[in-house]
Amino acid sequence: MIIRTNEQEIIFIQQHDHGFLSGEMARHFNPQLLGRTERFEDVVLAAYEHDRSWIGLDKTPIWYDAEQVPYTFMDFPLALKLAFYRIGLDEIEAMNPYASLLCSMHFASFFHLEEQQEVVGFLRKERERQKRVREQLGELPEELIHSHFRLLQFCDDLSLFVCLNKPGVSKEDEFPWYQEGFERTEPFNRDTGKPLVAEWVSEKEIRVAPFPFTVPFTTILKYKTVAKENIHKLGIDKAYHAASWLEQEITFVQ
């Protein structure tokens, strides 16, 4: 779950809905910026489905007593999260092996230290998956794989930029992760070789510079707004499920 909070409410965004937004970004991305166009549809599918592991986990928010907020994707208990990561990656592999290769690389990139036993086991299984898929698909140019992996991570980051920020927020008040631009996007900027940068220009419009999409486009993000008062009265489960689904409209402009 992705959340934002204010004095009276908590905004909830399910990870798979964030994934839908990532897929919309990939679908409109200019494939010429990748240098090669093969397997582009597979990358788009990977972007749409990369967080399907969270579908089961996000059915009901879990309250984090220590922080007095719901758990988010950043602090969710590791062992349970890793078990669902594997389930989702298995489902993606059944849909499209190449997409699962990219998503497996994406999830494996979250972990840089292999001190915890759960992480060691997860990474071992994912390295086996990546080896299996590479053997199944035959020889794949490494530069193509890493270009697609870079695109998947950019779409994930840009979608998180949308989800973690209040619509229309000023640059100086943005969630800090992406204020200086998006890591690893330098190859997509043929003008200066610097990272791509996003900013809100209104409550419904975002500008990404230099513009990496084929055309400006409009999409939606599903979310729920739950009053803190209702959480205290009903509990997190009932309050969340009683809230209506809402849609945020976002347009990416040049």
Protein backbone atom coordinates (compact mmCIF):
# COMPACT_ATOMS: atom_id res chain seq x y z
CA MET A 1 0.00 0.00 0.00
CA ILE A 2 1.08 3.55 -0.71
CA ILE A 3 -0.26 6.19 1.65
CA ARG A 4 -0.24 9.94 2.12
CA THR A 5 -1.53 11.57 5.27
CA ASN A 6 -2.85 14.93 6.31
CA GLU A 7 -4.34 16.18 9.55
CA GLN A 8 -7.74 14.54 9.05
CA GLU A 9 -7.36 11.84 6.39
CA ILE A 10 -5.23 9.05 5.00
CA ILE A 11 -5.05 8.57 1.22
CA PHE A 12 -4.62 4.90 0.20
CA ILE A 13 -3.27 3.75 -3.17
CA GLN A 14 -3.00 0.04 -3.87
CA GLN A 15 0.29 -1.07 -5.36
CA HIS A 16 -1.35 -2.71 -8.38
CA ASP A 17 -3.10 0.57 -9.19
CA HIS A 18 0.27 2.30 -8.99
CA GLY A 19 1.40 -0.47 -11.37
CA PHE A 20 -1.39 0.42 -13.79
CA LEU A 21 -0.10 3.98 -13.85
CA SER A 22 3.43 2.67 -14.51
CA GLY A 23 2.08 0.67 -17.44
CA GLU A 24 0.36 3.72 -18.91
CA MET A 25 3.69 5.54 -18.79
CA ALA A 26 5.51 2.67 -20.50
CA ARG A 27 2.80 2.38 -23.17
CA HIS A 28 3.28 6.05 -24.11
CA PHE A 29 7.09 6.03 -23.82
CA ASN A 30 8.99 6.82 -27.02
CA PRO A 31 10.63 3.48 -27.93
CA GLN A 32 13.20 5.29 -30.07
CA LEU A 33 14.83 6.44 -26.82
CA LEU A 34 15.66 2.80 -26.09
CA GLY A 35 17.79 2.49 -29.20
CA ARG A 36 15.95 -0.70 -30.22
CA THR A 37 12.25 -1.48 -30.52
CA GLU A 38 12.04 -5.28 -30.15
CA ARG A 39 10.15 -6.74 -27.16
CA PHE A 40 8.70 -3.32 -26.36
CA GLU A 41 5.23 -4.77 -25.68
CA ASP A 42 6.79 -7.19 -23.18
CA VAL A 43 8.28 -4.24 -21.29
CA VAL A 44 4.91 -2.49 -21.26
CA LEU A 45 3.33 -5.62 -19.75
CA ALA A 46 6.10 -5.77 -17.14
CA ALA A 47 5.34 -2.19 -16.14
CA TYR A 48 1.59 -2.82 -15.82
CA GLU A 49 2.05 -6.04 -13.83
CA HIS A 50 5.24 -5.46 -11.83
CA ASP A 51 3.43 -4.98 -8.50
CA ARG A 52 0.80 -7.68 -8.84
CA SER A 53 2.53 -9.35 -5.86
CA TRP A 54 0.74 -6.79 -3.70
CA ILE A 55 -2.81 -7.63 -4.81
CA GLY A 56 -3.38 -10.00 -1.90
CA LEU A 57 -1.43 -7.90 0.59
CA ASP A 58 -3.39 -4.75 -0.23
CA LYS A 59 -6.88 -6.19 0.16
CA THR A 60 -6.88 -5.00 3.75
CA PRO A 61 -4.52 -2.41 5.25
CA ILE A 62 -2.64 -3.54 8.37
CA TRP A 63 -2.20 -1.09 11.24
CA TYR A 64 1.37 -0.33 12.31
CA ASP A 65 1.02 0.22 16.06
CA ALA A 66 4.49 1.66 16.58
CA GLU A 67 3.88 4.49 14.09
CA GLN A 68 0.08 4.80 14.45
CA VAL A 69 -0.39 4.59 10.68
CA PRO A 70 -1.00 1.68 8.28
CA TYR A 71 1.99 -0.29 7.02
CA THR A 72 3.24 0.88 3.64
CA PHE A 73 5.39 -0.78 0.99
CA MET A 74 8.40 0.82 2.70
CA ASP A 75 7.97 -0.78 6.13
CA PHE A 76 5.78 -3.85 5.52
CA PRO A 77 7.05 -6.99 7.39
CA LEU A 78 9.81 -8.50 5.27
CA ALA A 79 9.10 -12.23 5.43
CA LEU A 80 5.45 -11.85 4.36
CA LYS A 81 6.37 -9.35 1.66
CA LEU A 82 9.00 -11.66 0.15
CA ALA A 83 6.58 -14.59 0.08
CA PHE A 84 4.10 -12.53 -1.92
CA TYR A 85 6.83 -11.14 -4.16
CA ARG A 86 7.58 -14.70 -5.26
CA ILE A 87 3.88 -15.47 -5.86
CA GLY A 88 3.50 -12.41 -8.08
CA LEU A 89 6.67 -13.13 -10.02
CA ASP A 90 5.49 -16.71 -10.63
CA GLU A 91 2.23 -15.31 -12.04
CA ILE A 92 4.07 -12.87 -14.29
CA GLU A 93 6.36 -15.64 -15.57
CA ALA A 94 3.28 -17.66 -16.53
CA MET A 95 2.02 -14.64 -18.52
CA ASN A 96 5.25 -13.57 -20.17
CA PRO A 97 8.72 -14.92 -19.34
CA TYR A 98 10.58 -11.83 -20.57
CA ALA A 99 8.40 -9.56 -18.44
CA SER A 100 9.14 -11.80 -15.44
CA LEU A 101 12.89 -11.48 -16.11
CA LEU A 102 12.63 -7.69 -15.92
CA CYS A 103 10.39 -7.76 -12.85
CA SER A 104 12.67 -10.26 -11.11
CA MET A 105 15.65 -7.98 -11.74
CA HIS A 106 13.60 -5.07 -10.42
CA PHE A 107 12.67 -6.80 -7.15
CA ALA A 108 16.16 -8.21 -6.65
CA SER A 109 17.56 -4.67 -6.95
CA PHE A 110 15.81 -3.72 -3.70
CA PHE A 111 18.25 -5.79 -1.64
CA HIS A 112 21.94 -4.96 -1.44
CA LEU A 113 22.81 -6.90 1.70
CA GLU A 114 22.17 -10.60 2.03
CA GLU A 115 22.38 -10.83 5.80
CA GLN A 116 18.83 -11.95 6.50
CA GLN A 117 17.98 -15.56 5.71
CA GLU A 118 14.70 -14.61 4.00
CA VAL A 119 16.57 -12.28 1.63
CA VAL A 120 19.23 -14.91 0.87
CA GLY A 121 16.56 -17.44 -0.09
CA PHE A 122 14.57 -14.92 -2.14
CA LEU A 123 17.60 -13.77 -4.13
CA ARG A 124 18.72 -17.35 -4.77
CA LYS A 125 15.30 -18.23 -6.21
CA GLU A 126 15.24 -15.10 -8.36
CA ARG A 127 18.70 -15.75 -9.76
CA GLU A 128 17.47 -19.22 -10.68
CA ARG A 129 14.40 -17.68 -12.35
CA GLN A 130 16.51 -15.23 -14.32
CA LYS A 131 18.85 -18.00 -15.49
CA ARG A 132 15.89 -20.21 -16.45
CA VAL A 133 14.18 -17.48 -18.45
CA ARG A 134 17.36 -16.48 -20.24
CA GLU A 135 17.93 -20.09 -21.26
CA GLN A 136 14.31 -20.42 -22.37
CA LEU A 137 14.36 -17.29 -24.52
CA GLY A 138 17.78 -17.85 -26.03
CA GLU A 139 20.48 -15.26 -26.53
CA LEU A 140 19.33 -11.77 -25.55
CA PRO A 141 21.49 -8.66 -26.01
CA GLU A 142 22.51 -7.39 -22.58
CA GLU A 143 22.19 -3.79 -23.70
CA LEU A 144 18.56 -4.45 -24.65
CA ILE A 145 17.74 -6.10 -21.31
CA HIS A 146 19.31 -3.29 -19.31
CA SER A 147 17.62 -0.62 -21.41
CA HIS A 148 14.25 -2.27 -20.74
CA PHE A 149 15.11 -2.69 -17.05
CA ARG A 150 15.96 1.03 -16.91
CA LEU A 151 12.60 1.88 -18.48
CA LEU A 152 10.71 -0.31 -15.99
CA GLN A 153 12.45 1.41 -13.09
CA PHE A 154 11.77 4.86 -14.52
CA CYS A 155 8.05 4.12 -14.92
CA ASP A 156 7.94 2.76 -11.37
CA ASP A 157 9.67 5.88 -10.05
CA LEU A 158 7.53 8.33 -12.04
CA SER A 159 4.38 6.58 -10.86
CA LEU A 160 5.63 6.79 -7.26
CA PHE A 161 6.29 10.50 -7.86
CA VAL A 162 2.58 10.84 -8.63
CA CYS A 163 1.43 8.69 -5.72
CA LEU A 164 3.65 10.15 -3.01
CA ASN A 165 2.94 13.79 -3.77
CA LYS A 166 -0.11 15.92 -3.16
CA PRO A 167 -1.42 16.99 -6.59
CA GLY A 168 -0.07 20.39 -7.58
CA VAL A 169 2.67 20.42 -4.93
CA SER A 170 5.49 22.95 -5.41
CA LYS A 171 8.92 21.60 -6.33
CA GLU A 172 10.44 22.50 -2.97
CA ASP A 173 7.68 20.68 -1.09
CA GLU A 174 7.80 17.44 -3.12
CA PHE A 175 8.47 14.08 -1.52
CA PRO A 176 12.29 14.14 -1.46
CA TRP A 177 13.10 11.01 -3.46
CA TYR A 178 12.77 12.58 -6.90
CA GLN A 179 13.34 16.30 -6.41
CA GLU A 180 16.66 16.12 -8.29
CA GLY A 181 15.32 13.88 -11.04
CA PHE A 182 15.09 10.15 -11.69
CA GLU A 183 18.16 7.98 -11.26
CA ARG A 184 19.43 5.98 -14.25
CA THR A 185 17.42 8.05 -16.78
CA GLU A 186 20.43 9.85 -18.26
CA PRO A 187 20.37 7.65 -21.43
CA PHE A 188 16.80 8.85 -22.10
CA ASN A 189 17.98 12.48 -22.22
CA ARG A 190 19.72 12.95 -25.52
CA ASP A 191 19.93 16.72 -25.04
CA THR A 192 22.19 16.98 -22.00
CA GLY A 193 22.65 13.46 -20.62
CA LYS A 194 21.24 14.59 -17.28
CA PRO A 195 18.41 12.78 -15.42
CA LEU A 196 14.80 13.33 -16.45
CA VAL A 197 12.97 15.67 -14.06
CA ALA A 198 9.25 15.87 -13.27
CA GLU A 199 7.25 18.67 -11.70
CA TRP A 200 3.59 19.45 -11.08
CA VAL A 201 2.40 22.42 -13.15
CA SER A 202 -1.19 22.23 -11.84
CA GLU A 203 -3.29 19.87 -9.73
CA LYS A 204 -3.90 17.72 -12.82
CA GLU A 205 -0.79 18.23 -14.95
CA ILE A 206 2.78 17.01 -14.70
CA ARG A 207 5.66 18.04 -16.94
CA VAL A 208 8.57 15.64 -17.52
CA ALA A 209 11.63 17.25 -19.09
CA PRO A 210 12.90 16.46 -21.56
CA PHE A 211 9.60 14.90 -22.66
CA PRO A 212 10.11 11.11 -23.06
CA PHE A 213 6.66 10.19 -24.37
CA THR A 214 5.36 10.03 -27.92
CA VAL A 215 2.47 12.42 -27.18
CA PRO A 216 0.94 14.15 -24.14
CA PHE A 217 -1.57 11.80 -22.53
CA THR A 218 -4.15 11.63 -19.76
CA THR A 219 -4.71 8.68 -17.44
CA ILE A 220 -6.23 7.94 -14.04
CA LEU A 221 -5.11 6.66 -10.66
CA LYS A 222 -7.55 4.89 -8.31
CA TYR A 223 -7.39 5.70 -4.62
CA LYS A 224 -9.39 5.89 -1.40
CA THR A 225 -9.57 8.68 1.15
CA VAL A 226 -10.36 7.51 4.68
CA ALA A 227 -11.08 9.86 7.58
CA LYS A 228 -8.87 9.23 10.61
CA GLU A 229 -11.97 9.63 12.75
CA ASN A 230 -13.56 6.65 10.99
CA ILE A 231 -10.44 4.56 11.53
CA HIS A 232 -10.59 5.26 15.26
CA LYS A 233 -14.31 4.47 15.38
CA LEU A 234 -14.49 1.43 13.10
CA GLY A 235 -10.94 0.09 12.90
CA ILE A 236 -8.75 0.18 9.82
CA ASP A 237 -10.41 -2.75 8.03
CA LYS A 238 -14.02 -1.55 8.20
CA ALA A 239 -13.13 2.09 7.64
CA TYR A 240 -11.09 1.27 4.54
CA HIS A 241 -13.69 -1.01 2.98
CA ALA A 242 -16.50 1.46 3.70
CA ALA A 243 -14.71 4.21 1.76
CA SER A 244 -15.56 4.72 -1.91
CA TRP A 245 -13.10 4.37 -4.75
CA LEU A 246 -12.10 7.69 -6.28
CA GLU A 247 -10.14 8.53 -9.44
CA GLN A 248 -7.37 11.09 -9.85
CA GLU A 249 -6.92 12.39 -13.40
CA ILE A 250 -3.35 13.10 -14.46
CA THR A 251 -2.11 14.59 -17.73
CA PHE A 252 1.54 14.44 -18.76
CA VAL A 253 2.36 17.57 -20.75
CA GLN A 254 5.36 18.87 -22.66
